[in-house]
Amino acid sequence: MERASHHTSVGGVFTRDTLKFLMLLVDCWYQASF
């Protein structure tokens, strides 16, 4: 159970960080283009 919970937590954090990184990348690209 502990392992499963840890796996879920890591997956959630990874997804959240990836989404945040993508948003930042798109924002920078948008400002650079215009």
N, C-alpha and C. Protein backbone atom coordinates (compact mmCIF):
# COMPACT_ATOMS: atom_id res chain seq x y z
N MET A 1 0.84 -1.21 0.00
CA MET A 1 0.00 0.00 0.00
C MET A 1 0.88 1.26 0.00
N GLU A 2 1.93 1.20 0.80
CA GLU A 2 2.80 2.38 0.88
C GLU A 2 3.47 2.64 -0.48
N ARG A 3 3.90 1.55 -1.12
CA ARG A 3 4.56 1.68 -2.41
C ARG A 3 3.60 2.27 -3.45
N ALA A 4 2.37 1.76 -3.44
CA ALA A 4 1.37 2.23 -4.40
C ALA A 4 1.09 3.72 -4.18
N SER A 5 0.99 4.13 -2.91
CA SER A 5 0.71 5.53 -2.61
C SER A 5 1.87 6.40 -3.08
N HIS A 6 3.08 5.93 -2.86
CA HIS A 6 4.27 6.69 -3.27
C HIS A 6 4.29 6.84 -4.79
N HIS A 7 3.96 5.75 -5.49
CA HIS A 7 3.95 5.77 -6.95
C HIS A 7 2.94 6.79 -7.46
N THR A 8 1.76 6.81 -6.85
CA THR A 8 0.72 7.74 -7.26
C THR A 8 1.16 9.17 -7.01
N SER A 9 1.80 9.39 -5.85
CA SER A 9 2.24 10.73 -5.48
C SER A 9 3.28 11.23 -6.49
N VAL A 10 4.24 10.38 -6.79
CA VAL A 10 5.29 10.74 -7.74
C VAL A 10 4.69 11.05 -9.11
N GLY A 11 3.73 10.21 -9.53
CA GLY A 11 3.10 10.41 -10.83
C GLY A 11 2.37 11.74 -10.87
N GLY A 12 1.66 12.08 -9.79
CA GLY A 12 0.92 13.34 -9.74
C GLY A 12 1.86 14.53 -9.80
N VAL A 13 2.96 14.46 -9.05
CA VAL A 13 3.92 15.56 -9.03
C VAL A 13 4.55 15.72 -10.40
N PHE A 14 4.92 14.60 -11.03
CA PHE A 14 5.54 14.63 -12.36
C PHE A 14 4.60 15.28 -13.37
N THR A 15 3.33 14.89 -13.34
CA THR A 15 2.36 15.43 -14.27
C THR A 15 2.19 16.93 -14.04
N ARG A 16 2.11 17.32 -12.77
CA ARG A 16 1.91 18.73 -12.44
C ARG A 16 3.12 19.56 -12.89
N ASP A 17 4.32 19.06 -12.61
CA ASP A 17 5.53 19.79 -13.00
C ASP A 17 5.65 19.87 -14.52
N THR A 18 5.30 18.78 -15.19
CA THR A 18 5.38 18.77 -16.65
C THR A 18 4.41 19.78 -17.25
N LEU A 19 3.20 19.82 -16.69
CA LEU A 19 2.20 20.76 -17.19
C LEU A 19 2.66 22.19 -16.95
N LYS A 20 3.22 22.45 -15.78
CA LYS A 20 3.70 23.79 -15.44
C LYS A 20 4.84 24.19 -16.38
N PHE A 21 5.73 23.23 -16.67
CA PHE A 21 6.86 23.49 -17.57
C PHE A 21 6.36 23.78 -18.98
N LEU A 22 5.38 23.02 -19.43
CA LEU A 22 4.82 23.24 -20.76
C LEU A 22 4.19 24.62 -20.87
N MET A 23 3.44 25.01 -19.84
CA MET A 23 2.79 26.31 -19.83
C MET A 23 3.83 27.42 -19.89
N LEU A 24 4.92 27.24 -19.12
CA LEU A 24 5.99 28.23 -19.09
C LEU A 24 6.67 28.32 -20.46
N LEU A 25 6.88 27.15 -21.07
CA LEU A 25 7.54 27.11 -22.38
C LEU A 25 6.67 27.82 -23.42
N VAL A 26 5.37 27.54 -23.41
CA VAL A 26 4.44 28.16 -24.36
C VAL A 26 4.39 29.67 -24.12
N ASP A 27 4.38 30.08 -22.87
CA ASP A 27 4.31 31.51 -22.55
C ASP A 27 5.56 32.23 -23.07
N CYS A 28 6.73 31.61 -22.86
CA CYS A 28 7.98 32.22 -23.33
C CYS A 28 8.00 32.30 -24.86
N TRP A 29 7.54 31.23 -25.52
CA TRP A 29 7.51 31.19 -26.98
C TRP A 29 6.55 32.25 -27.51
N TYR A 30 5.42 32.41 -26.82
CA TYR A 30 4.42 33.39 -27.25
C TYR A 30 4.99 34.80 -27.16
N GLN A 31 5.68 35.11 -26.06
CA GLN A 31 6.26 36.45 -25.88
C GLN A 31 7.39 36.69 -26.88
N ALA A 32 8.14 35.63 -27.16
CA ALA A 32 9.26 35.76 -28.10
C ALA A 32 8.75 35.99 -29.52
N SER A 33 7.62 35.34 -29.85
CA SER A 33 7.06 35.48 -31.20
C SER A 33 6.45 36.87 -31.39
N PHE A 34 5.80 37.39 -30.34
CA PHE A 34 5.16 38.70 -30.43
C PHE A 34 5.72 39.63 -29.37
